[in-house]
C-alpha cells in the first residue's frame, strides 16, 4: 500500500481542500499576508498590552492547468488589547474557485476574547463558517 501526499495540501490546506482530487497538478500559487499595528502606525501610540489595535489582510491567487482552475484566497482580521486585561481577535479566511462568471468562496472565521488575567479570566470563542456564492453571503454561526 502506498501513500502519496498532495503538495498543495502541504503548502496551504485551505486551498488544498477545494482544488485537489488526489491527482497531480500543474500551475502556480502565490499568497501573502501581513498584520499591521494600527495603533502605532496611524495613532503613534507604541503597541503594548496597555493599548494595541492591529489589522491583518491576506490575498492570493492560483491557477492550475488541470481543469483549468482559477481561484484565490483571502484573509481579513483585527485584534486588540487594552489595559493588559482585555483582548479580542477576529479573523475570516476564505478560499474559492472561479466557476463560470462567478468566483465562489468558502471558509471559516473565529472571534475570541478574554477579560482579566488567566487563572481567573473570562474567555469567549466562537467559530463561524462562511460562503460567498453568486453574489450572496451565507454565514453559519
N, C-alpha and C. Protein backbone atom coordinates (compact mmCIF):
# COMPACT_ATOMS: atom_id res chain seq x y z
N UNK A 1 0.85 -1.17 0.00
CA UNK A 1 0.00 0.00 0.00
C UNK A 1 0.89 1.23 0.00
N UNK A 2 0.64 2.14 -0.93
CA UNK A 2 1.43 3.37 -0.99
C UNK A 2 0.58 4.55 -0.60
N UNK A 3 1.24 5.56 -0.10
CA UNK A 3 0.55 6.78 0.31
C UNK A 3 1.28 7.95 -0.31
N UNK A 4 0.55 8.80 -1.01
CA UNK A 4 1.16 9.99 -1.58
C UNK A 4 0.54 11.22 -0.94
N UNK A 5 1.37 12.22 -0.74
CA UNK A 5 0.89 13.49 -0.18
C UNK A 5 0.78 14.50 -1.30
N UNK A 6 -0.30 15.19 -1.34
CA UNK A 6 -0.52 16.23 -2.33
C UNK A 6 0.21 17.48 -1.89
N UNK A 7 1.16 18.00 -2.69
CA UNK A 7 1.94 19.16 -2.27
C UNK A 7 1.09 20.39 -1.93
N UNK A 8 -0.01 20.65 -2.64
CA UNK A 8 -0.80 21.85 -2.35
C UNK A 8 -1.43 21.77 -0.96
N UNK A 9 -1.77 20.56 -0.50
CA UNK A 9 -2.32 20.41 0.84
C UNK A 9 -1.24 20.75 1.87
N UNK A 10 0.00 20.38 1.58
CA UNK A 10 1.10 20.71 2.49
C UNK A 10 1.36 22.21 2.51
N UNK A 11 1.27 22.87 1.37
CA UNK A 11 1.52 24.31 1.30
C UNK A 11 0.42 25.10 1.97
N UNK A 12 -0.81 24.78 1.62
CA UNK A 12 -1.94 25.55 2.12
C UNK A 12 -3.18 24.67 2.16
N UNK A 13 -3.54 24.16 3.32
CA UNK A 13 -4.70 23.27 3.42
C UNK A 13 -6.01 23.91 2.97
N UNK A 14 -6.16 25.24 3.16
CA UNK A 14 -7.39 25.92 2.74
C UNK A 14 -7.61 25.77 1.24
N UNK A 15 -6.56 25.96 0.46
CA UNK A 15 -6.66 25.82 -0.99
C UNK A 15 -6.72 24.35 -1.37
N UNK A 16 -5.94 23.51 -0.69
CA UNK A 16 -5.95 22.08 -0.98
C UNK A 16 -7.31 21.45 -0.82
N UNK A 17 -8.10 21.94 0.15
CA UNK A 17 -9.44 21.39 0.38
C UNK A 17 -10.37 21.60 -0.80
N UNK A 18 -10.15 22.64 -1.60
CA UNK A 18 -11.10 22.93 -2.67
C UNK A 18 -10.62 22.55 -4.06
N UNK A 19 -9.32 22.29 -4.24
CA UNK A 19 -8.84 22.05 -5.60
C UNK A 19 -8.25 20.66 -5.83
N UNK A 20 -7.98 19.89 -4.80
CA UNK A 20 -7.32 18.61 -5.03
C UNK A 20 -8.31 17.48 -5.21
N UNK A 21 -7.91 16.56 -6.04
CA UNK A 21 -8.67 15.33 -6.21
C UNK A 21 -7.74 14.14 -6.03
N UNK A 22 -6.57 14.40 -5.47
CA UNK A 22 -5.60 13.33 -5.25
C UNK A 22 -4.64 13.13 -6.41
N UNK A 23 -4.93 13.76 -7.53
CA UNK A 23 -4.07 13.61 -8.70
C UNK A 23 -3.01 14.68 -8.76
N UNK A 24 -2.14 14.58 -9.75
CA UNK A 24 -1.11 15.61 -9.89
C UNK A 24 -1.71 16.93 -10.39
N UNK A 25 -0.96 17.99 -10.20
CA UNK A 25 -1.41 19.29 -10.70
C UNK A 25 -0.21 20.04 -11.25
N UNK A 26 -0.51 20.95 -12.16
CA UNK A 26 0.50 21.81 -12.76
C UNK A 26 -0.05 23.22 -12.74
N UNK A 27 0.73 24.16 -12.21
CA UNK A 27 0.25 25.54 -12.17
C UNK A 27 1.05 26.37 -11.21
N UNK A 28 0.43 27.43 -10.74
CA UNK A 28 1.11 28.35 -9.85
C UNK A 28 0.20 28.82 -8.74
N UNK A 29 0.82 29.22 -7.62
CA UNK A 29 0.08 29.68 -6.46
C UNK A 29 0.93 30.71 -5.72
N UNK A 30 0.34 31.84 -5.39
CA UNK A 30 1.03 32.87 -4.63
C UNK A 30 0.08 33.43 -3.57
N UNK A 31 0.60 33.66 -2.36
CA UNK A 31 -0.21 34.18 -1.27
C UNK A 31 0.69 35.01 -0.35
N UNK A 32 0.17 36.14 0.11
CA UNK A 32 0.89 36.98 1.06
C UNK A 32 -0.06 37.45 2.14
N UNK A 33 0.47 37.61 3.35
CA UNK A 33 -0.35 38.00 4.49
C UNK A 33 0.48 38.88 5.40
N UNK A 34 -0.14 39.88 6.00
CA UNK A 34 0.56 40.74 6.94
C UNK A 34 -0.37 41.34 7.98
N UNK A 35 0.18 41.62 9.13
CA UNK A 35 -0.54 42.28 10.22
C UNK A 35 0.17 43.59 10.52
N UNK A 36 -0.60 44.66 10.67
CA UNK A 36 -0.05 45.99 10.90
C UNK A 36 -0.58 46.53 12.23
N UNK A 37 0.31 47.02 13.10
CA UNK A 37 -0.16 47.63 14.35
C UNK A 37 -0.75 49.02 14.06
N UNK A 38 -2.04 49.08 13.87
CA UNK A 38 -2.73 50.32 13.51
C UNK A 38 -2.53 51.39 14.58
N UNK A 39 -2.60 51.00 15.85
CA UNK A 39 -2.46 51.98 16.94
C UNK A 39 -1.11 52.67 16.87
N UNK A 40 -0.08 51.96 16.46
CA UNK A 40 1.26 52.55 16.37
C UNK A 40 1.45 53.29 15.06
N UNK A 41 1.01 52.70 13.96
CA UNK A 41 1.22 53.27 12.64
C UNK A 41 0.41 54.55 12.42
N UNK A 42 -0.85 54.53 12.73
CA UNK A 42 -1.72 55.69 12.48
C UNK A 42 -1.82 56.67 13.65
N UNK A 43 -1.81 56.14 14.87
CA UNK A 43 -2.02 57.00 16.04
C UNK A 43 -0.72 57.38 16.74
N UNK A 44 0.37 56.68 16.41
CA UNK A 44 1.65 56.99 17.04
C UNK A 44 1.79 56.48 18.47
N UNK A 45 0.88 55.62 18.91
CA UNK A 45 0.92 55.06 20.26
C UNK A 45 1.70 53.75 20.19
N UNK A 46 2.81 53.64 20.93
CA UNK A 46 3.58 52.38 20.89
C UNK A 46 2.70 51.19 21.26
N UNK A 47 2.80 50.13 20.46
CA UNK A 47 2.00 48.93 20.71
C UNK A 47 2.47 48.23 21.97
N UNK A 48 1.55 48.04 22.90
CA UNK A 48 1.84 47.31 24.14
C UNK A 48 0.53 46.71 24.62
N UNK A 49 0.60 45.97 25.71
CA UNK A 49 -0.64 45.39 26.24
C UNK A 49 -1.57 46.46 26.81
N UNK A 50 -1.04 47.66 27.05
CA UNK A 50 -1.89 48.74 27.54
C UNK A 50 -2.88 49.21 26.47
N UNK A 51 -2.41 49.25 25.21
CA UNK A 51 -3.30 49.62 24.10
C UNK A 51 -2.64 49.20 22.79
N UNK A 52 -3.34 48.36 22.06
CA UNK A 52 -2.86 47.91 20.77
C UNK A 52 -4.05 47.51 19.91
N UNK A 53 -4.07 48.00 18.69
CA UNK A 53 -5.05 47.57 17.70
C UNK A 53 -4.27 47.20 16.44
N UNK A 54 -4.51 46.01 15.92
CA UNK A 54 -3.82 45.56 14.71
C UNK A 54 -4.85 45.08 13.70
N UNK A 55 -4.50 45.23 12.44
CA UNK A 55 -5.35 44.74 11.35
C UNK A 55 -4.52 43.81 10.48
N UNK A 56 -5.16 42.76 10.02
CA UNK A 56 -4.48 41.80 9.16
C UNK A 56 -5.21 41.67 7.85
N UNK A 57 -4.45 41.46 6.80
CA UNK A 57 -5.02 41.25 5.48
C UNK A 57 -4.13 40.28 4.72
N UNK A 58 -4.76 39.44 3.92
CA UNK A 58 -4.03 38.49 3.09
C UNK A 58 -4.77 38.29 1.79
N UNK A 59 -4.01 38.03 0.74
CA UNK A 59 -4.63 37.78 -0.56
C UNK A 59 -3.70 36.89 -1.38
N UNK A 60 -4.31 36.06 -2.18
CA UNK A 60 -3.53 35.18 -3.03
C UNK A 60 -4.33 34.73 -4.23
N UNK A 61 -3.63 34.15 -5.19
CA UNK A 61 -4.28 33.66 -6.40
C UNK A 61 -3.58 32.38 -6.85
N UNK A 62 -4.33 31.54 -7.54
CA UNK A 62 -3.73 30.33 -8.09
C UNK A 62 -4.33 30.00 -9.45
N UNK A 63 -3.58 29.24 -10.19
CA UNK A 63 -4.02 28.74 -11.50
C UNK A 63 -3.47 27.33 -11.64
N UNK A 64 -4.33 26.38 -11.97
CA UNK A 64 -3.91 25.01 -12.23
C UNK A 64 -4.39 24.63 -13.63
N UNK A 65 -3.49 24.07 -14.41
CA UNK A 65 -3.79 23.69 -15.78
C UNK A 65 -4.91 22.66 -15.81
N UNK A 66 -4.87 21.72 -14.87
CA UNK A 66 -5.92 20.71 -14.80
C UNK A 66 -7.24 21.42 -14.51
N UNK A 67 -8.17 21.24 -15.34
CA UNK A 67 -9.47 21.91 -15.16
C UNK A 67 -9.84 22.77 -16.33
N UNK A 68 -9.24 23.88 -16.67
CA UNK A 68 -8.32 24.66 -15.84
C UNK A 68 -9.03 25.24 -14.63
N UNK A 69 -8.27 25.49 -13.59
CA UNK A 69 -8.84 26.00 -12.35
C UNK A 69 -8.17 27.33 -11.97
N UNK A 70 -9.00 28.36 -11.83
CA UNK A 70 -8.55 29.67 -11.35
C UNK A 70 -9.16 29.88 -9.97
N UNK A 71 -8.44 30.53 -9.07
CA UNK A 71 -9.02 30.78 -7.76
C UNK A 71 -8.19 31.72 -6.93
N UNK A 72 -8.59 31.83 -5.67
CA UNK A 72 -7.89 32.74 -4.78
C UNK A 72 -8.16 32.43 -3.33
N UNK A 73 -7.46 33.16 -2.48
CA UNK A 73 -7.62 33.04 -1.03
C UNK A 73 -7.54 34.44 -0.45
N UNK A 74 -8.36 34.69 0.59
CA UNK A 74 -8.36 36.00 1.25
C UNK A 74 -8.38 35.81 2.77
N UNK A 75 -7.88 36.82 3.45
CA UNK A 75 -7.91 36.88 4.90
C UNK A 75 -8.23 38.31 5.31
N UNK A 76 -9.08 38.46 6.31
CA UNK A 76 -9.33 39.76 6.93
C UNK A 76 -9.37 39.52 8.43
N UNK A 77 -8.68 40.38 9.18
CA UNK A 77 -8.67 40.18 10.62
C UNK A 77 -8.40 41.46 11.38
N UNK A 78 -8.75 41.43 12.65
CA UNK A 78 -8.49 42.56 13.54
C UNK A 78 -8.24 41.98 14.94
N UNK A 79 -7.33 42.61 15.66
CA UNK A 79 -7.08 42.19 17.04
C UNK A 79 -6.78 43.43 17.88
N UNK A 80 -6.99 43.30 19.17
CA UNK A 80 -6.72 44.43 20.04
C UNK A 80 -6.55 44.01 21.48
N UNK A 81 -5.94 44.90 22.22
CA UNK A 81 -5.69 44.66 23.64
C UNK A 81 -5.76 46.00 24.36
N UNK A 82 -6.25 45.99 25.60
CA UNK A 82 -6.35 47.23 26.38
C UNK A 82 -6.12 46.93 27.86
N UNK A 83 -5.42 47.83 28.50
CA UNK A 83 -5.17 47.79 29.94
C UNK A 83 -4.56 46.47 30.42
N UNK A 84 -3.91 45.74 29.53
CA UNK A 84 -3.27 44.46 29.83
C UNK A 84 -4.27 43.46 30.44
N UNK A 85 -5.56 43.70 30.22
CA UNK A 85 -6.57 42.84 30.83
C UNK A 85 -7.68 42.43 29.88
N UNK A 86 -7.83 43.12 28.75
CA UNK A 86 -8.88 42.81 27.79
C UNK A 86 -8.24 42.58 26.43
N UNK A 87 -8.59 41.47 25.79
CA UNK A 87 -8.08 41.23 24.44
C UNK A 87 -9.18 40.62 23.58
N UNK A 88 -9.17 40.98 22.31
CA UNK A 88 -10.12 40.46 21.34
C UNK A 88 -9.39 40.18 20.03
N UNK A 89 -9.92 39.22 19.28
CA UNK A 89 -9.37 38.92 17.95
C UNK A 89 -10.46 38.29 17.12
N UNK A 90 -10.52 38.71 15.88
CA UNK A 90 -11.45 38.13 14.92
C UNK A 90 -10.78 38.03 13.57
N UNK A 91 -11.02 36.93 12.88
CA UNK A 91 -10.49 36.79 11.53
C UNK A 91 -11.35 35.86 10.71
N UNK A 92 -11.27 36.06 9.40
CA UNK A 92 -12.02 35.24 8.45
C UNK A 92 -11.07 34.87 7.32
N UNK A 93 -10.92 33.57 7.06
CA UNK A 93 -10.10 33.06 5.96
C UNK A 93 -11.02 32.32 5.00
N UNK A 94 -10.89 32.66 3.71
CA UNK A 94 -11.73 32.03 2.70
C UNK A 94 -10.90 31.70 1.46
N UNK A 95 -11.24 30.61 0.81
CA UNK A 95 -10.61 30.24 -0.45
C UNK A 95 -11.72 29.90 -1.43
N UNK A 96 -11.47 30.15 -2.71
CA UNK A 96 -12.51 29.90 -3.69
C UNK A 96 -11.98 29.68 -5.08
N UNK A 97 -12.87 29.23 -5.93
CA UNK A 97 -12.54 28.96 -7.33
C UNK A 97 -13.52 29.68 -8.24
N UNK A 98 -13.05 29.93 -9.46
CA UNK A 98 -13.90 30.55 -10.48
C UNK A 98 -14.73 29.46 -11.13
N UNK A 99 -16.03 29.67 -11.15
CA UNK A 99 -16.97 28.74 -11.78
C UNK A 99 -17.85 29.56 -12.71
N UNK A 100 -17.63 29.41 -14.01
CA UNK A 100 -18.34 30.24 -14.98
C UNK A 100 -17.89 31.68 -14.82
N UNK A 101 -18.85 32.59 -14.66
CA UNK A 101 -18.52 34.00 -14.46
C UNK A 101 -18.41 34.38 -12.98
N UNK A 102 -18.67 33.43 -12.08
CA UNK A 102 -18.65 33.71 -10.64
C UNK A 102 -17.40 33.15 -9.99
N UNK A 103 -16.99 33.80 -8.91
CA UNK A 103 -15.96 33.25 -8.04
C UNK A 103 -16.65 32.95 -6.72
N UNK A 104 -16.65 31.69 -6.34
CA UNK A 104 -17.33 31.24 -5.14
C UNK A 104 -16.30 30.91 -4.06
N UNK A 105 -16.48 31.52 -2.89
CA UNK A 105 -15.55 31.34 -1.78
C UNK A 105 -16.23 30.63 -0.62
N UNK A 106 -15.45 29.89 0.15
CA UNK A 106 -15.93 29.33 1.41
C UNK A 106 -14.77 29.31 2.38
N UNK A 107 -15.09 29.32 3.66
CA UNK A 107 -14.04 29.29 4.66
C UNK A 107 -14.61 29.41 6.04
N UNK A 108 -13.73 29.69 6.97
CA UNK A 108 -14.19 29.83 8.34
C UNK A 108 -13.49 30.97 9.02
N UNK A 109 -14.11 31.42 10.08
CA UNK A 109 -13.56 32.51 10.86
C UNK A 109 -13.73 32.23 12.33
N UNK A 110 -13.15 33.09 13.11
CA UNK A 110 -13.28 32.94 14.55
C UNK A 110 -13.30 34.31 15.21
N UNK A 111 -13.95 34.35 16.35
CA UNK A 111 -13.98 35.54 17.20
C UNK A 111 -13.61 35.04 18.59
N UNK A 112 -12.65 35.71 19.22
CA UNK A 112 -12.23 35.29 20.55
C UNK A 112 -11.97 36.53 21.40
N UNK A 113 -12.19 36.38 22.68
CA UNK A 113 -11.94 37.48 23.60
C UNK A 113 -11.62 36.96 24.98
N UNK A 114 -10.97 37.81 25.75
CA UNK A 114 -10.57 37.44 27.11
C UNK A 114 -10.61 38.69 27.97
N UNK A 115 -11.15 38.57 29.17
CA UNK A 115 -11.18 39.67 30.14
C UNK A 115 -10.55 39.15 31.43
N UNK A 116 -9.56 39.88 31.91
CA UNK A 116 -8.90 39.52 33.15
C UNK A 116 -7.62 38.72 32.93
N UNK A 117 -6.90 38.50 34.01
CA UNK A 117 -5.68 37.69 33.99
C UNK A 117 -6.08 36.23 34.13
N UNK A 118 -5.57 35.39 33.24
CA UNK A 118 -5.99 33.99 33.27
C UNK A 118 -5.53 33.30 34.54
N UNK A 119 -6.27 32.43 34.87
CA UNK A 119 -6.48 31.67 36.07
C UNK A 119 -7.82 32.11 36.63
N UNK A 120 -8.11 33.42 36.46
CA UNK A 120 -9.41 33.95 36.88
C UNK A 120 -10.06 34.76 35.76
N UNK A 121 -9.72 34.46 34.53
CA UNK A 121 -10.23 35.26 33.42
C UNK A 121 -11.52 34.66 32.85
N UNK A 122 -12.22 35.48 32.10
CA UNK A 122 -13.39 35.05 31.36
C UNK A 122 -12.98 34.99 29.88
N UNK A 123 -13.27 33.86 29.24
CA UNK A 123 -12.90 33.68 27.83
C UNK A 123 -14.14 33.43 27.00
N UNK A 124 -14.05 33.84 25.74
CA UNK A 124 -15.12 33.58 24.78
C UNK A 124 -14.46 33.22 23.45
N UNK A 125 -15.00 32.20 22.79
CA UNK A 125 -14.52 31.86 21.45
C UNK A 125 -15.67 31.26 20.64
N UNK A 126 -15.77 31.70 19.41
CA UNK A 126 -16.83 31.24 18.52
C UNK A 126 -16.24 31.06 17.13
N UNK A 127 -16.56 29.95 16.49
CA UNK A 127 -16.13 29.68 15.12
C UNK A 127 -17.34 29.79 14.22
N UNK A 128 -17.14 30.38 13.03
CA UNK A 128 -18.23 30.51 12.06
C UNK A 128 -17.78 29.92 10.73
N UNK A 129 -18.72 29.52 9.92
CA UNK A 129 -18.48 29.10 8.54
C UNK A 129 -19.12 30.14 7.65
N UNK A 130 -18.45 30.48 6.57
CA UNK A 130 -18.98 31.50 5.66
C UNK A 130 -18.80 31.03 4.22
N UNK A 131 -19.79 31.36 3.39
CA UNK A 131 -19.70 31.10 1.95
C UNK A 131 -20.16 32.33 1.19
N UNK A 132 -19.55 32.52 0.05
CA UNK A 132 -19.93 33.59 -0.87
C UNK A 132 -20.13 32.93 -2.22
N UNK A 133 -21.38 32.89 -2.68
CA UNK A 133 -21.70 32.19 -3.92
C UNK A 133 -22.67 33.02 -4.73
N UNK A 134 -22.30 33.30 -5.97
CA UNK A 134 -23.15 34.05 -6.90
C UNK A 134 -23.61 35.37 -6.31
N UNK A 135 -22.70 36.07 -5.62
CA UNK A 135 -23.02 37.38 -5.07
C UNK A 135 -23.78 37.36 -3.76
N UNK A 136 -24.01 36.20 -3.18
CA UNK A 136 -24.77 36.08 -1.93
C UNK A 136 -23.89 35.52 -0.82
N UNK A 137 -24.00 36.11 0.36
CA UNK A 137 -23.30 35.64 1.55
C UNK A 137 -24.17 34.71 2.37
N UNK A 138 -23.58 33.67 2.95
CA UNK A 138 -24.26 32.80 3.89
C UNK A 138 -23.29 32.56 5.05
N UNK A 139 -23.72 32.93 6.26
CA UNK A 139 -22.87 32.78 7.43
C UNK A 139 -23.58 31.90 8.43
N UNK A 140 -22.90 30.81 8.83
CA UNK A 140 -23.43 29.88 9.83
C UNK A 140 -22.70 30.10 11.14
N UNK A 141 -23.44 30.55 12.13
CA UNK A 141 -22.85 30.78 13.45
C UNK A 141 -22.84 29.54 14.27
